[in-house]
Protein backbone atom coordinates (compact mmCIF):
# COMPACT_ATOMS: atom_id res chain seq x y z
CA MET A 1 -18.77 62.25 77.62
CA ARG A 2 -17.99 58.98 75.92
CA ILE A 3 -20.66 56.64 74.64
CA PHE A 4 -18.74 54.11 72.66
CA THR A 5 -15.08 53.20 73.08
CA ILE A 6 -13.97 52.32 69.62
CA ILE A 7 -10.61 52.34 67.94
CA ALA A 8 -10.51 51.49 64.28
CA PHE A 9 -7.42 51.00 62.14
CA LEU A 10 -7.01 50.63 58.39
CA CYS A 11 -4.02 48.44 57.55
CA LEU A 12 -2.51 48.47 54.05
CA MET A 13 0.11 46.05 52.74
CA THR A 14 3.52 46.67 54.26
CA ALA A 15 6.37 47.98 52.12
CA ASP A 16 10.14 47.88 52.42
CA LEU A 17 10.81 50.24 55.33
CA THR A 18 14.07 51.40 53.82
CA SER A 19 12.20 52.91 50.87
CA GLN A 20 9.13 54.26 52.65
CA THR A 21 8.42 57.89 53.31
CA ILE A 22 6.13 59.30 55.93
CA THR A 23 3.87 62.33 56.08
CA LYS A 24 4.52 64.87 58.84
CA LEU A 25 1.44 66.85 59.87
CA ARG A 26 1.52 69.63 62.44
CA TYR A 27 -1.82 70.82 63.84
CA GLN A 28 -2.34 73.84 66.07
CA THR A 29 -5.45 73.90 68.26
CA ARG A 30 -6.63 76.90 70.28
CA TYR A 31 -9.66 77.64 72.43
CA GLU A 32 -11.67 80.85 72.53
CA SER A 33 -14.70 81.98 74.52
CA GLN A 34 -16.88 85.08 74.55
CA ASP A 35 -16.53 85.16 78.34
CA PRO A 36 -12.88 85.64 79.51
CA ARG A 37 -13.72 83.82 82.76
CA PHE A 38 -13.90 80.62 80.70
CA HIS A 39 -10.20 80.92 79.87
CA GLY A 40 -8.36 78.94 82.51
CA PRO A 41 -4.97 77.24 82.83
CA GLY A 42 -4.39 74.66 80.13
CA ARG A 43 -6.91 76.19 77.72
CA GLY A 44 -4.47 78.31 75.76
CA GLY A 45 -3.91 75.78 73.03
CA GLU A 46 -2.41 72.50 71.96
CA LEU A 47 0.09 71.37 69.36
CA THR A 48 0.00 67.90 67.83
CA ILE A 49 2.52 66.52 65.37
CA THR A 50 1.55 63.34 63.54
CA TYR A 51 3.81 61.09 61.49
CA ARG A 52 1.96 58.68 59.20
CA ALA A 53 3.00 55.71 57.13
CA SER A 54 0.81 53.08 55.51
CA ASP A 55 0.92 50.67 58.45
CA ARG A 56 1.92 52.81 61.43
CA MET A 57 1.31 56.21 62.96
CA ARG A 58 2.76 58.36 65.75
CA THR A 59 1.21 61.43 67.38
CA ASP A 60 3.08 63.77 69.76
CA VAL A 61 0.86 65.94 71.96
CA ASP A 62 2.17 69.21 73.46
CA HIS A 63 -0.36 70.95 75.71
CA GLY A 64 1.24 74.33 75.11
CA HIS A 65 3.33 74.67 78.25
CA GLY A 66 6.59 74.96 76.34
CA SER A 67 8.05 71.73 77.73
CA GLY A 68 7.63 69.55 74.65
CA ALA A 69 5.37 66.58 74.08
CA ALA A 70 3.81 65.21 77.26
CA LEU A 71 2.21 62.19 75.59
CA VAL A 72 3.08 60.16 72.53
CA PHE A 73 0.67 57.71 70.88
CA ILE A 74 2.07 55.03 68.59
CA VAL A 75 -0.25 52.90 66.46
CA ARG A 76 1.23 49.81 64.83
CA CYS A 77 -1.22 48.19 62.44
CA ASP A 78 1.52 45.81 61.32
CA LEU A 79 1.78 44.48 64.89
CA GLY A 80 -1.86 44.91 65.89
CA ARG A 81 -0.82 46.98 68.92
CA THR A 82 -1.04 50.52 70.24
CA PHE A 83 1.36 52.20 72.68
CA THR A 84 0.77 55.24 74.90
CA LEU A 85 3.99 56.85 76.16
CA ASP A 86 4.15 59.20 79.16
CA MET A 87 7.27 61.18 78.32
CA ARG A 88 7.67 62.64 81.79
CA SER A 89 7.44 59.44 83.84
CA ARG A 90 9.05 57.37 81.05
CA GLN A 91 6.31 54.77 81.30
CA TYR A 92 4.08 53.27 78.61
CA PHE A 93 0.86 51.34 78.21
CA GLU A 94 0.32 48.72 75.53
CA SER A 95 -3.05 47.58 74.15
CA PRO A 96 -4.25 45.29 71.35
CA LEU A 97 -5.91 46.71 68.25
CA PRO A 98 -9.21 45.29 67.05
CA THR A 99 -9.38 44.53 63.35
CA PRO A 100 -12.02 46.27 61.19
CA GLU A 101 -13.93 42.96 61.14
CA GLU A 102 -13.88 42.76 64.95
CA ILE A 103 -15.10 46.34 65.24
CA ALA A 104 -17.97 45.70 62.83
CA ARG A 105 -18.95 42.55 64.75
CA GLN A 106 -18.87 44.36 68.11
CA GLN A 107 -20.92 47.23 66.71
CA LYS A 108 -23.54 44.78 65.41
CA GLN A 109 -23.69 43.00 68.78
CA ARG A 110 -24.16 46.29 70.68
CA HIS A 111 -26.89 47.38 68.31
CA GLU A 112 -28.79 44.08 68.56
CA ARG A 113 -28.51 44.07 72.35
CA ALA A 114 -29.75 47.67 72.56
CA LEU A 115 -32.89 46.80 70.58
CA THR A 116 -33.96 44.54 73.45
CA GLU A 117 -33.45 47.28 76.07
CA GLY A 118 -36.39 49.48 75.13
CA GLU A 119 -36.44 53.03 73.81
CA PRO A 120 -33.20 55.08 73.77
CA ASN A 121 -32.71 57.69 76.48
CA TYR A 122 -29.90 59.73 74.92
CA ILE A 123 -30.03 60.89 71.30
CA PHE A 124 -27.10 62.08 69.22
CA ASP A 125 -28.42 63.70 66.04
CA ILE A 126 -25.63 64.29 63.49
CA LYS A 127 -25.98 66.05 60.15
CA VAL A 128 -23.09 66.33 57.68
CA LEU A 129 -23.43 68.69 54.71
CA ASP A 130 -21.02 68.87 51.75
CA THR A 131 -21.37 72.52 50.68
CA GLY A 132 -19.72 71.93 47.30
CA GLU A 133 -17.19 74.72 47.95
CA THR A 134 -13.50 74.06 47.24
CA LYS A 135 -10.18 75.83 47.69
CA GLN A 136 -6.47 75.10 47.26
CA ALA A 137 -4.04 74.39 50.11
CA PHE A 138 -0.66 72.62 50.29
CA GLY A 139 -0.92 71.76 46.60
CA HIS A 140 -4.22 69.93 47.02
CA THR A 141 -7.92 70.68 46.66
CA ALA A 142 -9.92 71.06 49.88
CA ARG A 143 -13.67 70.52 50.22
CA HIS A 144 -15.95 72.35 52.64
CA TYR A 145 -18.33 70.59 55.07
CA ILE A 146 -20.65 71.67 57.85
CA LYS A 147 -21.27 69.18 60.67
CA THR A 148 -23.99 69.74 63.28
CA ILE A 149 -24.35 67.58 66.40
CA LYS A 150 -27.34 67.78 68.75
CA ASN A 151 -27.15 65.98 72.11
CA ILE A 152 -30.62 65.28 73.51
CA PRO A 153 -30.43 63.62 76.95
CA GLY A 154 -33.35 62.04 78.77
CA PRO A 155 -34.57 63.54 82.09
CA GLU A 156 -32.61 61.02 84.17
CA PHE A 157 -29.34 62.66 83.06
CA GLN A 158 -30.32 66.09 84.48
CA GLN A 159 -28.65 67.82 81.55
CA ALA A 160 -29.82 70.42 79.08
CA PRO A 161 -29.72 69.62 75.35
CA GLN A 162 -26.60 70.87 73.59
CA GLU A 163 -25.74 71.68 70.01
CA THR A 164 -22.36 72.18 68.35
CA THR A 165 -21.56 73.22 64.79
CA GLU A 166 -18.28 72.39 63.10
CA ASP A 167 -16.99 74.16 59.99
CA LEU A 168 -14.63 71.71 58.25
CA TRP A 169 -12.23 71.70 55.33
CA TYR A 170 -10.71 68.40 54.13
CA LEU A 171 -7.85 67.95 51.66
CA ASP A 172 -8.22 65.43 48.83
CA VAL A 173 -5.37 63.34 50.27
CA PRO A 174 -6.09 59.59 50.43
CA SER A 175 -7.01 58.53 53.95
CA GLY A 176 -5.39 55.12 53.53
CA TYR A 177 -3.36 55.54 56.68
CA CYS A 178 -3.16 53.48 59.83
CA ASP A 179 -5.32 56.12 61.45
CA PRO A 180 -7.79 55.69 64.36
CA GLN A 181 -9.72 58.69 63.04
CA SER A 182 -10.54 56.86 59.82
CA PHE A 183 -13.40 54.93 61.42
CA SER A 184 -16.95 56.26 61.60
CA TYR A 185 -20.38 54.75 62.09
CA GLY A 186 -21.56 56.50 58.93
CA PRO A 187 -25.12 57.39 57.92
CA GLY A 188 -28.01 55.58 59.54
CA VAL A 189 -29.23 54.75 63.04
CA HIS A 190 -26.90 53.08 65.53
CA ARG A 191 -27.79 51.94 69.04
CA GLY A 192 -25.79 50.97 72.11
CA VAL A 193 -26.01 50.26 75.84
CA GLY A 194 -23.67 51.36 78.62
CA MET A 195 -23.10 53.66 81.57
CA MET A 196 -22.68 57.43 81.29
CA GLY A 197 -21.57 59.99 83.83
CA SER A 198 -19.36 59.50 86.88
CA GLY A 199 -19.67 58.88 90.61
CA ARG A 200 -23.16 59.31 91.97
CA TRP A 201 -24.30 60.66 88.60
CA LEU A 202 -23.63 57.36 86.84
CA VAL A 203 -26.70 56.54 84.72
CA ARG A 204 -27.52 53.50 82.56
CA ALA A 205 -27.54 54.86 79.04
CA LYS A 206 -29.28 53.58 75.93
CA PRO A 207 -27.82 55.98 73.36
CA GLU A 208 -28.95 56.25 69.78
CA LEU A 209 -26.82 57.89 67.12
CA ARG A 210 -28.68 59.20 64.08
CA GLN A 211 -26.52 60.41 61.22
CA THR A 212 -27.55 62.07 57.97
CA GLY A 213 -24.91 62.65 55.30
CA GLU A 214 -21.60 61.00 54.52
CA ASP A 215 -18.54 61.73 56.64
CA PRO A 216 -15.83 63.93 55.08
CA LYS A 217 -13.17 62.04 53.17
CA GLY A 218 -9.47 62.84 53.08
CA LEU A 219 -7.17 64.74 55.44
CA LEU A 220 -8.35 67.41 57.88
CA LEU A 221 -7.19 70.89 56.86
CA SER A 222 -9.10 72.93 59.42
CA SER A 223 -11.94 72.73 61.91
CA ARG A 224 -13.82 75.50 63.71
CA LYS A 225 -16.25 74.11 66.28
CA SER A 226 -18.67 76.35 68.14
CA GLY A 227 -21.23 75.69 70.83
CA GLN A 228 -22.44 76.66 74.29
CA GLU A 229 -20.71 75.79 77.54
CA THR A 230 -22.12 76.33 81.03
CA ARG A 231 -20.32 76.66 84.34
CA THR A 232 -21.59 77.00 87.89
CA THR A 233 -19.59 79.09 90.38
CA ARG A 234 -19.12 78.22 94.04
CA ASN A 235 -21.92 80.58 95.02
CA GLY A 236 -24.31 78.81 92.67
CA GLU A 237 -24.23 81.35 89.84
CA THR A 238 -24.60 79.77 86.40
CA THR A 239 -22.83 81.31 83.42
CA THR A 240 -23.26 80.31 79.78
CA SER A 241 -20.91 81.37 77.00
CA THR A 242 -20.25 80.57 73.36
CA PHE A 243 -16.98 78.70 72.87
CA TYR A 244 -14.82 77.99 69.84
CA THR A 245 -12.31 75.20 69.29
CA ILE A 246 -10.12 75.93 66.27
CA THR A 247 -7.75 73.36 64.74
CA GLU A 248 -5.57 74.18 61.73
CA LEU A 249 -3.03 72.23 59.71
CA VAL A 250 0.07 74.44 59.68
CA GLU A 251 2.69 72.05 58.27
CA PHE A 252 2.44 69.28 55.67
CA GLU A 253 5.72 67.60 54.74
CA GLU A 254 6.92 64.35 53.18
CA MET A 255 10.06 62.97 54.82
CA PRO A 256 12.11 59.75 54.94
CA LEU A 257 10.94 57.07 57.34
CA ASP A 258 12.87 56.65 60.58
CA SER A 259 11.61 53.32 61.95
CA ALA A 260 12.86 54.16 65.46
CA MET A 261 10.16 56.83 65.72
CA PHE A 262 7.55 54.07 65.89
CA GLU A 263 9.26 52.04 68.63
CA VAL A 264 9.06 52.36 72.43
CA PRO A 265 12.34 54.07 73.43
CA ALA A 266 14.87 52.22 75.53
CA GLY A 267 14.54 52.89 79.24
CA PHE A 268 10.73 53.12 79.29
CA THR A 269 8.88 50.92 81.79
CA ARG A 270 5.72 49.09 80.82
CA LYS A 271 2.65 49.58 83.02
CA GLU A 272 -0.62 47.69 82.93
CA THR A 273 -3.46 49.52 81.16
CA PRO A 274 -5.63 51.26 83.82
């Protein structure tokens, strides 16, 4: 469930493309559950390959069906644009990128507006702990973090509170990439206003995000997220099971820049953003 739609991008000074190198990162994600009935089609795993330069980034997403990347996301901080490519239909969507200053201004406006709307009705309580533990991986030092998120909805949402715990390791690799994951609200209290849910369950939300602890810095090495998920069968039976989402960095390579990787391929048709 999405509360804020935010994309943030950190743009560094551009360099001569003929002399640049990029970082290739391959992540493998898999899903596990204590109850085998929670394993359905499309939940076997996912492979993402990301190519990063200082002012651009490309991510190929393979949902594990053996047919290659289904979606490709290209972020161009140098152009202030983002492109989403559907590799099967050979169509793409193009959107503008807000600058860090624009994002900060929008966040401030949402917060100020929310303060006039009364008390929040959906709480996100986030705690980030740096354990102080370290280990070596890919020639770098990794730090260990524990991140806990509690979702506390008001009665109008007709949802039970949920809690997830994420065991994280981050490499001490500078995060000065053109990376949408580099943005975070950070410690403190942040408010917003919007709609949550879908269809007849659409509810006016006044979410409040409360964060304690600084976000991890660097490059994600691994993540193991656990929590509870509930499903209701057709006969009304409710089943709850512990789930795990495990993401691991399995390849870390420096390679020469191929500028064509960050362009929309010839033959693709542009579609309006839905």
